PDB file of all heavy atoms in Angstrom:
ATOM      1  N   PHE A   1       9.984   7.626  11.456  1.00  0.00           N
ATOM      2  CA  PHE A   1       9.016   7.904  10.394  1.00  0.00           C
ATOM      3  C   PHE A   1       9.440   7.274   9.067  1.00  0.00           C
ATOM      4  O   PHE A   1       8.643   6.595   8.402  1.00  0.00           O
ATOM      5  CB  PHE A   1       8.854   9.423  10.224  1.00  0.00           C
ATOM      6  CG  PHE A   1       7.851   9.797   9.167  1.00  0.00           C
ATOM      7  CD1 PHE A   1       6.512   9.944   9.480  1.00  0.00           C
ATOM      8  CD2 PHE A   1       8.249  10.002   7.847  1.00  0.00           C
ATOM      9  CE1 PHE A   1       5.587  10.287   8.503  1.00  0.00           C
ATOM     10  CE2 PHE A   1       7.342  10.340   6.867  1.00  0.00           C
ATOM     11  CZ  PHE A   1       6.010  10.479   7.197  1.00  0.00           C
ATOM     12  N   PHE A   2      10.689   7.500   8.673  1.00  0.00           N
ATOM     13  CA  PHE A   2      11.175   7.015   7.380  1.00  0.00           C
ATOM     14  C   PHE A   2      11.068   5.493   7.261  1.00  0.00           C
ATOM     15  O   PHE A   2      10.464   4.979   6.312  1.00  0.00           O
ATOM     16  CB  PHE A   2      12.610   7.489   7.173  1.00  0.00           C
ATOM     17  CG  PHE A   2      13.235   7.053   5.883  1.00  0.00           C
ATOM     18  CD1 PHE A   2      13.046   7.780   4.723  1.00  0.00           C
ATOM     19  CD2 PHE A   2      14.016   5.909   5.828  1.00  0.00           C
ATOM     20  CE1 PHE A   2      13.622   7.377   3.528  1.00  0.00           C
ATOM     21  CE2 PHE A   2      14.598   5.492   4.638  1.00  0.00           C
ATOM     22  CZ  PHE A   2      14.396   6.229   3.482  1.00  0.00           C
ATOM     23  N   PRO A   3      11.635   4.717   8.192  1.00  0.00           N
ATOM     24  CA  PRO A   3      11.547   3.257   8.041  1.00  0.00           C
ATOM     25  C   PRO A   3      10.125   2.723   8.128  1.00  0.00           C
ATOM     26  O   PRO A   3       9.754   1.802   7.383  1.00  0.00           O
ATOM     27  CB  PRO A   3      12.421   2.720   9.179  1.00  0.00           C
ATOM     28  CG  PRO A   3      12.580   3.839  10.129  1.00  0.00           C
ATOM     29  CD  PRO A   3      12.473   5.089   9.348  1.00  0.00           C
ATOM     30  N   VAL A   4       9.290   3.273   9.027  1.00  0.00           N
ATOM     31  CA  VAL A   4       7.906   2.807   9.152  1.00  0.00           C
ATOM     32  C   VAL A   4       7.115   3.092   7.883  1.00  0.00           C
ATOM     33  O   VAL A   4       6.388   2.234   7.364  1.00  0.00           O
ATOM     34  CB  VAL A   4       7.227   3.447  10.378  1.00  0.00           C
ATOM     35  CG1 VAL A   4       5.728   3.153  10.383  1.00  0.00           C
ATOM     36  CG2 VAL A   4       7.864   2.946  11.663  1.00  0.00           C
ATOM     37  N   CYS A   5       7.268   4.317   7.371  1.00  0.00           N
ATOM     38  CA  CYS A   5       6.550   4.727   6.162  1.00  0.00           C
ATOM     39  C   CYS A   5       6.890   3.812   4.984  1.00  0.00           C
ATOM     40  O   CYS A   5       5.996   3.295   4.303  1.00  0.00           O
ATOM     41  CB  CYS A   5       6.888   6.178   5.825  1.00  0.00           C
ATOM     42  SG  CYS A   5       6.295   6.718   4.201  1.00  0.00           S
ATOM     43  N   PHE A   6       8.157   3.601   4.767  1.00  0.00           N
ATOM     44  CA  PHE A   6       8.548   2.818   3.592  1.00  0.00           C
ATOM     45  C   PHE A   6       8.342   1.321   3.799  1.00  0.00           C
ATOM     46  O   PHE A   6       8.121   0.590   2.834  1.00  0.00           O
ATOM     47  CB  PHE A   6       9.998   3.139   3.215  1.00  0.00           C
ATOM     48  CG  PHE A   6      10.131   4.467   2.557  1.00  0.00           C
ATOM     49  CD1 PHE A   6      10.412   5.596   3.306  1.00  0.00           C
ATOM     50  CD2 PHE A   6       9.937   4.602   1.198  1.00  0.00           C
ATOM     51  CE1 PHE A   6      10.512   6.838   2.704  1.00  0.00           C
ATOM     52  CE2 PHE A   6      10.036   5.837   0.587  1.00  0.00           C
ATOM     53  CZ  PHE A   6      10.322   6.961   1.333  1.00  0.00           C
ATOM     54  N   ALA A   7       8.371   0.858   5.049  1.00  0.00           N
ATOM     55  CA  ALA A   7       8.057  -0.548   5.320  1.00  0.00           C
ATOM     56  C   ALA A   7       6.601  -0.831   4.950  1.00  0.00           C
ATOM     57  O   ALA A   7       6.292  -1.845   4.294  1.00  0.00           O
ATOM     58  CB  ALA A   7       8.311  -0.867   6.790  1.00  0.00           C
ATOM     59  N   ILE A   8       5.694   0.059   5.355  1.00  0.00           N
ATOM     60  CA  ILE A   8       4.276  -0.109   5.019  1.00  0.00           C
ATOM     61  C   ILE A   8       4.064  -0.004   3.513  1.00  0.00           C
ATOM     62  O   ILE A   8       3.329  -0.811   2.909  1.00  0.00           O
ATOM     63  CB  ILE A   8       3.424   0.947   5.751  1.00  0.00           C
ATOM     64  CG1 ILE A   8       3.516   0.759   7.268  1.00  0.00           C
ATOM     65  CG2 ILE A   8       1.965   0.863   5.310  1.00  0.00           C
ATOM     66  CD1 ILE A   8       2.849   1.859   8.064  1.00  0.00           C
ATOM     67  N   TYR A   9       4.718   0.962   2.897  1.00  0.00           N
ATOM     68  CA  TYR A   9       4.543   1.178   1.461  1.00  0.00           C
ATOM     69  C   TYR A   9       4.990  -0.037   0.656  1.00  0.00           C
ATOM     70  O   TYR A   9       4.247  -0.547  -0.208  1.00  0.00           O
ATOM     71  CB  TYR A   9       5.328   2.420   1.034  1.00  0.00           C
ATOM     72  CG  TYR A   9       5.259   2.707  -0.451  1.00  0.00           C
ATOM     73  CD1 TYR A   9       4.139   3.303  -1.011  1.00  0.00           C
ATOM     74  CD2 TYR A   9       6.324   2.385  -1.293  1.00  0.00           C
ATOM     75  CE1 TYR A   9       4.065   3.561  -2.372  1.00  0.00           C
ATOM     76  CE2 TYR A   9       6.262   2.639  -2.653  1.00  0.00           C
ATOM     77  CZ  TYR A   9       5.124   3.230  -3.179  1.00  0.00           C
ATOM     78  OH  TYR A   9       5.058   3.470  -4.530  1.00  0.00           O
ATOM     79  N   TYR A  10       6.183  -0.532   0.933  1.00  0.00           N
ATOM     80  CA  TYR A  10       6.697  -1.662   0.157  1.00  0.00           C
ATOM     81  C   TYR A  10       5.984  -2.969   0.512  1.00  0.00           C
ATOM     82  O   TYR A  10       5.874  -3.866  -0.324  1.00  0.00           O
ATOM     83  CB  TYR A  10       8.206  -1.794   0.348  1.00  0.00           C
ATOM     84  CG  TYR A  10       8.973  -0.724  -0.393  1.00  0.00           C
ATOM     85  CD1 TYR A  10       9.639   0.285   0.300  1.00  0.00           C
ATOM     86  CD2 TYR A  10       8.999  -0.700  -1.781  1.00  0.00           C
ATOM     87  CE1 TYR A  10      10.317   1.288  -0.379  1.00  0.00           C
ATOM     88  CE2 TYR A  10       9.683   0.296  -2.462  1.00  0.00           C
ATOM     89  CZ  TYR A  10      10.336   1.282  -1.759  1.00  0.00           C
ATOM     90  OH  TYR A  10      11.004   2.275  -2.439  1.00  0.00           O
ATOM     91  N   LEU A  11       5.487  -3.073   1.727  1.00  0.00           N
ATOM     92  CA  LEU A  11       4.681  -4.239   2.083  1.00  0.00           C
ATOM     93  C   LEU A  11       3.417  -4.290   1.229  1.00  0.00           C
ATOM     94  O   LEU A  11       3.045  -5.362   0.711  1.00  0.00           O
ATOM     95  CB  LEU A  11       4.316  -4.186   3.574  1.00  0.00           C
ATOM     96  CG  LEU A  11       3.421  -5.333   4.094  1.00  0.00           C
ATOM     97  CD1 LEU A  11       4.140  -6.666   3.938  1.00  0.00           C
ATOM     98  CD2 LEU A  11       3.030  -5.080   5.546  1.00  0.00           C
ATOM     99  N   LEU A  12       2.770  -3.134   1.070  1.00  0.00           N
ATOM    100  CA  LEU A  12       1.574  -3.076   0.226  1.00  0.00           C
ATOM    101  C   LEU A  12       1.914  -3.355  -1.235  1.00  0.00           C
ATOM    102  O   LEU A  12       1.147  -4.012  -1.946  1.00  0.00           O
ATOM    103  CB  LEU A  12       0.917  -1.695   0.360  1.00  0.00           C
ATOM    104  CG  LEU A  12       0.267  -1.380   1.713  1.00  0.00           C
ATOM    105  CD1 LEU A  12      -0.194   0.070   1.752  1.00  0.00           C
ATOM    106  CD2 LEU A  12      -0.904  -2.323   1.968  1.00  0.00           C
ATOM    107  N   ILE A  13       3.067  -2.876  -1.668  1.00  0.00           N
ATOM    108  CA  ILE A  13       3.485  -3.121  -3.051  1.00  0.00           C
ATOM    109  C   ILE A  13       3.681  -4.619  -3.286  1.00  0.00           C
ATOM    110  O   ILE A  13       3.193  -5.179  -4.284  1.00  0.00           O
ATOM    111  CB  ILE A  13       4.787  -2.355  -3.366  1.00  0.00           C
ATOM    112  CG1 ILE A  13       4.532  -0.848  -3.417  1.00  0.00           C
ATOM    113  CG2 ILE A  13       5.375  -2.835  -4.696  1.00  0.00           C
ATOM    114  CD1 ILE A  13       3.673  -0.370  -4.552  1.00  0.00           C
ATOM    115  N   PHE A  14       4.364  -5.279  -2.373  1.00  0.00           N
ATOM    116  CA  PHE A  14       4.626  -6.717  -2.544  1.00  0.00           C
ATOM    117  C   PHE A  14       3.349  -7.547  -2.373  1.00  0.00           C
ATOM    118  O   PHE A  14       3.202  -8.596  -2.997  1.00  0.00           O
ATOM    119  CB  PHE A  14       5.706  -7.180  -1.570  1.00  0.00           C
ATOM    120  CG  PHE A  14       7.078  -6.728  -1.941  1.00  0.00           C
ATOM    121  CD1 PHE A  14       7.831  -5.938  -1.075  1.00  0.00           C
ATOM    122  CD2 PHE A  14       7.647  -7.063  -3.164  1.00  0.00           C
ATOM    123  CE1 PHE A  14       9.104  -5.498  -1.425  1.00  0.00           C
ATOM    124  CE2 PHE A  14       8.912  -6.632  -3.520  1.00  0.00           C
ATOM    125  CZ  PHE A  14       9.647  -5.850  -2.656  1.00  0.00           C
ATOM    126  N   MET A  15       2.436  -7.079  -1.545  1.00  0.00           N
ATOM    127  CA  MET A  15       1.163  -7.785  -1.392  1.00  0.00           C
ATOM    128  C   MET A  15       0.348  -7.754  -2.680  1.00  0.00           C
ATOM    129  O   MET A  15      -0.484  -8.631  -2.931  1.00  0.00           O
ATOM    130  CB  MET A  15       0.356  -7.176  -0.238  1.00  0.00           C
ATOM    131  CG  MET A  15       0.892  -7.517   1.152  1.00  0.00           C
ATOM    132  SD  MET A  15      -0.005  -6.651   2.471  1.00  0.00           S
ATOM    133  CE  MET A  15      -1.652  -7.331   2.260  1.00  0.00           C
ATOM    134  N   GLN A  16       0.587  -6.733  -3.501  1.00  0.00           N
ATOM    135  CA  GLN A  16      -0.142  -6.614  -4.760  1.00  0.00           C
ATOM    136  C   GLN A  16       0.250  -7.692  -5.769  1.00  0.00           C
ATOM    137  O   GLN A  16      -0.396  -7.831  -6.806  1.00  0.00           O
ATOM    138  CB  GLN A  16       0.084  -5.233  -5.382  1.00  0.00           C
ATOM    139  CG  GLN A  16      -0.693  -4.129  -4.706  1.00  0.00           C
ATOM    140  CD  GLN A  16      -0.587  -2.814  -5.464  1.00  0.00           C
ATOM    141  OE1 GLN A  16       0.285  -2.619  -6.310  1.00  0.00           O
ATOM    142  NE2 GLN A  16      -1.484  -1.898  -5.176  1.00  0.00           N
ATOM    143  N   LEU A  17       1.312  -8.439  -5.468  1.00  0.00           N
ATOM    144  CA  LEU A  17       1.702  -9.522  -6.367  1.00  0.00           C
ATOM    145  C   LEU A  17       0.622 -10.607  -6.423  1.00  0.00           C
ATOM    146  O   LEU A  17       0.521 -11.338  -7.410  1.00  0.00           O
ATOM    147  CB  LEU A  17       3.037 -10.121  -5.917  1.00  0.00           C
ATOM    148  CG  LEU A  17       4.242  -9.168  -5.971  1.00  0.00           C
ATOM    149  CD1 LEU A  17       5.481  -9.852  -5.406  1.00  0.00           C
ATOM    150  CD2 LEU A  17       4.509  -8.695  -7.396  1.00  0.00           C
ATOM    151  N   LYS A  18      -0.183 -10.689  -5.360  1.00  0.00           N
ATOM    152  CA  LYS A  18      -1.323 -11.598  -5.376  1.00  0.00           C
ATOM    153  C   LYS A  18      -2.501 -10.916  -6.064  1.00  0.00           C
ATOM    154  O   LYS A  18      -2.837  -9.772  -5.759  1.00  0.00           O
ATOM    155  CB  LYS A  18      -1.706 -11.992  -3.946  1.00  0.00           C
ATOM    156  CG  LYS A  18      -0.626 -12.775  -3.217  1.00  0.00           C
ATOM    157  CD  LYS A  18      -1.083 -13.169  -1.834  1.00  0.00           C
ATOM    158  CE  LYS A  18      -0.019 -13.997  -1.112  1.00  0.00           C
ATOM    159  NZ  LYS A  18      -0.458 -14.399   0.248  1.00  0.00           N
ATOM    160  N   GLU A  19      -3.113 -11.625  -6.976  1.00  0.00           N
ATOM    161  CA  GLU A  19      -4.134 -11.016  -7.835  1.00  0.00           C
ATOM    162  C   GLU A  19      -5.308 -10.460  -7.031  1.00  0.00           C
ATOM    163  O   GLU A  19      -5.777  -9.355  -7.292  1.00  0.00           O
ATOM    164  CB  GLU A  19      -4.641 -12.052  -8.837  1.00  0.00           C
ATOM    165  CG  GLU A  19      -5.611 -11.452  -9.849  1.00  0.00           C
ATOM    166  CD  GLU A  19      -6.041 -12.452 -10.913  1.00  0.00           C
ATOM    167  OE1 GLU A  19      -5.444 -13.551 -10.968  1.00  0.00           O
ATOM    168  OE2 GLU A  19      -6.956 -12.131 -11.660  1.00  0.00           O
ATOM    169  N   LYS A  20      -5.786 -11.204  -6.032  1.00  0.00           N
ATOM    170  CA  LYS A  20      -6.938 -10.748  -5.260  1.00  0.00           C
ATOM    171  C   LYS A  20      -6.601  -9.483  -4.478  1.00  0.00           C
ATOM    172  O   LYS A  20      -7.402  -8.553  -4.390  1.00  0.00           O
ATOM    173  CB  LYS A  20      -7.405 -11.846  -4.315  1.00  0.00           C
ATOM    174  CG  LYS A  20      -8.024 -13.047  -5.025  1.00  0.00           C
ATOM    175  CD  LYS A  20      -8.538 -14.055  -4.014  1.00  0.00           C
ATOM    176  CE  LYS A  20      -9.190 -15.244  -4.730  1.00  0.00           C
ATOM    177  NZ  LYS A  20      -9.690 -16.257  -3.754  1.00  0.00           N
ATOM    178  N   VAL A  21      -5.421  -9.481  -3.897  1.00  0.00           N
ATOM    179  CA  VAL A  21      -4.992  -8.290  -3.146  1.00  0.00           C
ATOM    180  C   VAL A  21      -4.828  -7.111  -4.091  1.00  0.00           C
ATOM    181  O   VAL A  21      -5.190  -5.977  -3.764  1.00  0.00           O
ATOM    182  CB  VAL A  21      -3.673  -8.574  -2.402  1.00  0.00           C
ATOM    183  CG1 VAL A  21      -3.180  -7.313  -1.690  1.00  0.00           C
ATOM    184  CG2 VAL A  21      -3.863  -9.700  -1.405  1.00  0.00           C
ATOM    185  N   TYR A  22      -4.277  -7.370  -5.296  1.00  0.00           N
ATOM    186  CA  TYR A  22      -4.067  -6.306  -6.276  1.00  0.00           C
ATOM    187  C   TYR A  22      -5.396  -5.656  -6.664  1.00  0.00           C
ATOM    188  O   TYR A  22      -5.505  -4.430  -6.723  1.00  0.00           O
ATOM    189  CB  TYR A  22      -3.383  -6.870  -7.517  1.00  0.00           C
ATOM    190  CG  TYR A  22      -3.200  -5.862  -8.625  1.00  0.00           C
ATOM    191  CD1 TYR A  22      -2.160  -4.947  -8.577  1.00  0.00           C
ATOM    192  CD2 TYR A  22      -4.078  -5.823  -9.712  1.00  0.00           C
ATOM    193  CE1 TYR A  22      -1.987  -4.013  -9.577  1.00  0.00           C
ATOM    194  CE2 TYR A  22      -3.918  -4.893 -10.719  1.00  0.00           C
ATOM    195  CZ  TYR A  22      -2.874  -3.998 -10.655  1.00  0.00           C
ATOM    196  OH  TYR A  22      -2.711  -3.065 -11.647  1.00  0.00           O
ATOM    197  N   VAL A  23      -6.405  -6.478  -6.910  1.00  0.00           N
ATOM    198  CA  VAL A  23      -7.732  -5.958  -7.282  1.00  0.00           C
ATOM    199  C   VAL A  23      -8.302  -5.107  -6.158  1.00  0.00           C
ATOM    200  O   VAL A  23      -8.844  -4.028  -6.384  1.00  0.00           O
ATOM    201  CB  VAL A  23      -8.691  -7.112  -7.630  1.00  0.00           C
ATOM    202  CG1 VAL A  23     -10.105  -6.581  -7.851  1.00  0.00           C
ATOM    203  CG2 VAL A  23      -8.205  -7.849  -8.878  1.00  0.00           C
ATOM    204  N   PHE A  24      -8.153  -5.592  -4.923  1.00  0.00           N
ATOM    205  CA  PHE A  24      -8.695  -4.864  -3.768  1.00  0.00           C
ATOM    206  C   PHE A  24      -7.982  -3.522  -3.571  1.00  0.00           C
ATOM    207  O   PHE A  24      -8.624  -2.480  -3.402  1.00  0.00           O
ATOM    208  CB  PHE A  24      -8.552  -5.724  -2.505  1.00  0.00           C
ATOM    209  CG  PHE A  24      -8.991  -5.031  -1.256  1.00  0.00           C
ATOM    210  CD1 PHE A  24     -10.334  -4.943  -0.917  1.00  0.00           C
ATOM    211  CD2 PHE A  24      -8.052  -4.445  -0.399  1.00  0.00           C
ATOM    212  CE1 PHE A  24     -10.738  -4.294   0.229  1.00  0.00           C
ATOM    213  CE2 PHE A  24      -8.447  -3.797   0.753  1.00  0.00           C
ATOM    214  CZ  PHE A  24      -9.802  -3.721   1.070  1.00  0.00           C
ATOM    215  N   THR A  25      -6.644  -3.562  -3.584  1.00  0.00           N
ATOM    216  CA  THR A  25      -5.890  -2.326  -3.352  1.00  0.00           C
ATOM    217  C   THR A  25      -6.077  -1.320  -4.479  1.00  0.00           C
ATOM    218  O   THR A  25      -6.084  -0.114  -4.245  1.00  0.00           O
ATOM    219  CB  THR A  25      -4.387  -2.631  -3.195  1.00  0.00           C
ATOM    220  OG1 THR A  25      -3.923  -3.364  -4.349  1.00  0.00           O
ATOM    221  CG2 THR A  25      -4.127  -3.438  -1.935  1.00  0.00           C
ATOM    222  N   LYS A  26      -6.237  -1.809  -5.707  1.00  0.00           N
ATOM    223  CA  LYS A  26      -6.474  -0.913  -6.835  1.00  0.00           C
ATOM    224  C   LYS A  26      -7.856  -0.279  -6.743  1.00  0.00           C
ATOM    225  O   LYS A  26      -8.035   0.921  -6.988  1.00  0.00           O
ATOM    226  CB  LYS A  26      -6.336  -1.675  -8.157  1.00  0.00           C
ATOM    227  CG  LYS A  26      -4.935  -1.703  -8.726  1.00  0.00           C
ATOM    228  CD  LYS A  26      -4.514  -0.311  -9.194  1.00  0.00           C
ATOM    229  CE  LYS A  26      -3.144  -0.334  -9.854  1.00  0.00           C
ATOM    230  NZ  LYS A  26      -2.717   1.023 -10.254  1.00  0.00           N
ATOM    231  N   LYS A  27      -8.843  -1.098  -6.414  1.00  0.00           N
ATOM    232  CA  LYS A  27     -10.217  -0.606  -6.364  1.00  0.00           C
ATOM    233  C   LYS A  27     -10.395   0.452  -5.293  1.00  0.00           C
ATOM    234  O   LYS A  27     -11.034   1.485  -5.509  1.00  0.00           O
ATOM    235  CB  LYS A  27     -11.165  -1.776  -6.123  1.00  0.00           C
ATOM    236  CG  LYS A  27     -12.645  -1.373  -6.080  1.00  0.00           C
ATOM    237  CD  LYS A  27     -13.532  -2.582  -5.863  1.00  0.00           C
ATOM    238  CE  LYS A  27     -15.002  -2.171  -5.811  1.00  0.00           C
ATOM    239  NZ  LYS A  27     -15.897  -3.343  -5.590  1.00  0.00           N
ATOM    240  N   TYR A  28      -9.843   0.197  -4.128  1.00  0.00           N
ATOM    241  CA  TYR A  28     -10.025   1.114  -3.000  1.00  0.00           C
ATOM    242  C   TYR A  28      -8.832   2.043  -2.793  1.00  0.00           C
ATOM    243  O   TYR A  28      -8.799   2.805  -1.824  1.00  0.00           O
ATOM    244  CB  TYR A  28     -10.300   0.319  -1.723  1.00  0.00           C
ATOM    245  CG  TYR A  28     -11.597  -0.442  -1.788  1.00  0.00           C
ATOM    246  CD1 TYR A  28     -11.616  -1.808  -2.045  1.00  0.00           C
ATOM    247  CD2 TYR A  28     -12.818   0.209  -1.617  1.00  0.00           C
ATOM    248  CE1 TYR A  28     -12.813  -2.513  -2.114  1.00  0.00           C
ATOM    249  CE2 TYR A  28     -14.016  -0.480  -1.683  1.00  0.00           C
ATOM    250  CZ  TYR A  28     -14.000  -1.846  -1.935  1.00  0.00           C
ATOM    251  OH  TYR A  28     -15.194  -2.533  -2.011  1.00  0.00           O
ATOM    252  N   ARG A  29      -7.845   1.956  -3.694  1.00  0.00           N
ATOM    253  CA  ARG A  29      -6.684   2.851  -3.697  1.00  0.00           C
ATOM    254  C   ARG A  29      -6.025   2.902  -2.319  1.00  0.00           C
ATOM    255  O   ARG A  29      -5.783   3.962  -1.743  1.00  0.00           O
ATOM    256  CB  ARG A  29      -7.097   4.238  -4.168  1.00  0.00           C
ATOM    257  CG  ARG A  29      -7.727   4.255  -5.555  1.00  0.00           C
ATOM    258  CD  ARG A  29      -7.918   5.625  -6.095  1.00  0.00           C
ATOM    259  NE  ARG A  29      -6.659   6.308  -6.294  1.00  0.00           N
ATOM    260  CZ  ARG A  29      -6.557   7.548  -6.806  1.00  0.00           C
ATOM    261  NH1 ARG A  29      -7.655   8.183  -7.168  1.00  0.00           N
ATOM    262  NH2 ARG A  29      -5.396   8.114  -6.952  1.00  0.00           N
ATOM    263  N   VAL A  30      -5.730   1.731  -1.816  1.00  0.00           N
ATOM    264  CA  VAL A  30      -5.187   1.593  -0.467  1.00  0.00           C
ATOM    265  C   VAL A  30      -3.842   2.300  -0.331  1.00  0.00           C
ATOM    266  O   VAL A  30      -3.573   2.977   0.671  1.00  0.00           O
ATOM    267  CB  VAL A  30      -5.043   0.094  -0.105  1.00  0.00           C
ATOM    268  CG1 VAL A  30      -4.366  -0.061   1.258  1.00  0.00           C
ATOM    269  CG2 VAL A  30      -6.406  -0.571  -0.101  1.00  0.00           C
ATOM    270  N   ILE A  31      -2.988   2.148  -1.348  1.00  0.00           N
ATOM    271  CA  ILE A  31      -1.652   2.764  -1.264  1.00  0.00           C
ATOM    272  C   ILE A  31      -1.761   4.283  -1.246  1.00  0.00           C
ATOM    273  O   ILE A  31      -1.076   4.963  -0.461  1.00  0.00           O
ATOM    274  CB  ILE A  31      -0.778   2.293  -2.439  1.00  0.00           C
ATOM    275  CG1 ILE A  31      -0.494   0.793  -2.315  1.00  0.00           C
ATOM    276  CG2 ILE A  31       0.531   3.080  -2.484  1.00  0.00           C
ATOM    277  CD1 ILE A  31       0.347   0.227  -3.433  1.00  0.00           C
ATOM    278  N   ASP A  32      -2.626   4.840  -2.089  1.00  0.00           N
ATOM    279  CA  ASP A  32      -2.796   6.295  -2.105  1.00  0.00           C
ATOM    280  C   ASP A  32      -3.360   6.796  -0.783  1.00  0.00           C
ATOM    281  O   ASP A  32      -2.936   7.840  -0.270  1.00  0.00           O
ATOM    282  CB  ASP A  32      -3.723   6.694  -3.253  1.00  0.00           C
ATOM    283  CG  ASP A  32      -3.089   6.491  -4.618  1.00  0.00           C
ATOM    284  OD1 ASP A  32      -1.846   6.489  -4.679  1.00  0.00           O
ATOM    285  OD2 ASP A  32      -3.810   6.329  -5.606  1.00  0.00           O
ATOM    286  N   LEU A  33      -4.315   6.065  -0.223  1.00  0.00           N
ATOM    287  CA  LEU A  33      -4.877   6.455   1.074  1.00  0.00           C
ATOM    288  C   LEU A  33      -3.824   6.380   2.170  1.00  0.00           C
ATOM    289  O   LEU A  33      -3.789   7.221   3.078  1.00  0.00           O
ATOM    290  CB  LEU A  33      -6.062   5.553   1.414  1.00  0.00           C
ATOM    291  CG  LEU A  33      -7.331   5.770   0.577  1.00  0.00           C
ATOM    292  CD1 LEU A  33      -8.370   4.700   0.884  1.00  0.00           C
ATOM    293  CD2 LEU A  33      -7.907   7.161   0.818  1.00  0.00           C
ATOM    294  N   MET A  34      -2.946   5.352   2.082  1.00  0.00           N
ATOM    295  CA  MET A  34      -1.859   5.249   3.054  1.00  0.00           C
ATOM    296  C   MET A  34      -0.924   6.439   2.954  1.00  0.00           C
ATOM    297  O   MET A  34      -0.522   7.014   3.979  1.00  0.00           O
ATOM    298  CB  MET A  34      -1.082   3.950   2.821  1.00  0.00           C
ATOM    299  CG  MET A  34       0.031   3.680   3.839  1.00  0.00           C
ATOM    300  SD  MET A  34       1.610   4.542   3.514  1.00  0.00           S
ATOM    301  CE  MET A  34       2.135   3.737   2.004  1.00  0.00           C
ATOM    302  N   LEU A  35      -0.595   6.835   1.720  1.00  0.00           N
ATOM    303  CA  LEU A  35       0.301   7.985   1.531  1.00  0.00           C
ATOM    304  C   LEU A  35      -0.330   9.270   2.032  1.00  0.00           C
ATOM    305  O   LEU A  35       0.345  10.130   2.612  1.00  0.00           O
ATOM    306  CB  LEU A  35       0.673   8.113   0.050  1.00  0.00           C
ATOM    307  CG  LEU A  35       1.626   7.044  -0.502  1.00  0.00           C
ATOM    308  CD1 LEU A  35       1.815   7.224  -2.010  1.00  0.00           C
ATOM    309  CD2 LEU A  35       2.976   7.108   0.197  1.00  0.00           C
ATOM    310  N   ILE A  36      -1.641   9.423   1.813  1.00  0.00           N
ATOM    311  CA  ILE A  36      -2.330  10.613   2.328  1.00  0.00           C
ATOM    312  C   ILE A  36      -2.297  10.620   3.851  1.00  0.00           C
ATOM    313  O   ILE A  36      -2.017  11.655   4.488  1.00  0.00           O
ATOM    314  CB  ILE A  36      -3.789  10.654   1.827  1.00  0.00           C
ATOM    315  CG1 ILE A  36      -3.825  10.889   0.318  1.00  0.00           C
ATOM    316  CG2 ILE A  36      -4.569  11.764   2.544  1.00  0.00           C
ATOM    317  CD1 ILE A  36      -5.195  10.762  -0.294  1.00  0.00           C
ATOM    318  N   GLY A  37      -2.569   9.466   4.455  1.00  0.00           N
ATOM    319  CA  GLY A  37      -2.559   9.373   5.917  1.00  0.00           C
ATOM    320  C   GLY A  37      -1.194   9.666   6.501  1.00  0.00           C
ATOM    321  O   GLY A  37      -1.073  10.425   7.472  1.00  0.00           O
ATOM    322  N   ILE A  38      -0.159   9.078   5.921  1.00  0.00           N
ATOM    323  CA  ILE A  38       1.196   9.286   6.445  1.00  0.00           C
ATOM    324  C   ILE A  38       1.640  10.722   6.199  1.00  0.00           C
ATOM    325  O   ILE A  38       2.369  11.310   7.012  1.00  0.00           O
ATOM    326  CB  ILE A  38       2.182   8.274   5.806  1.00  0.00           C
ATOM    327  CG1 ILE A  38       3.378   8.028   6.730  1.00  0.00           C
ATOM    328  CG2 ILE A  38       2.660   8.710   4.451  1.00  0.00           C
ATOM    329  CD1 ILE A  38       3.103   7.079   7.845  1.00  0.00           C
ATOM    330  N   SER A  39       1.193  11.334   5.099  1.00  0.00           N
ATOM    331  CA  SER A  39       1.531  12.734   4.805  1.00  0.00           C
ATOM    332  C   SER A  39       0.837  13.673   5.784  1.00  0.00           C
ATOM    333  O   SER A  39       1.429  14.661   6.237  1.00  0.00           O
ATOM    334  CB  SER A  39       1.142  13.087   3.364  1.00  0.00           C
ATOM    335  OG  SER A  39       1.878  12.328   2.430  1.00  0.00           O
TER     336      SER A  39
END
């Protein structure tokens, strides 16, 4: 659980370095939805 959870989380964080991905993840709150799902 721990490695999978944080691998997905940090992957999404690093993907946000691209402007288009950042806009998409911010608009649809992908990281927050991922945290809710994993929780």
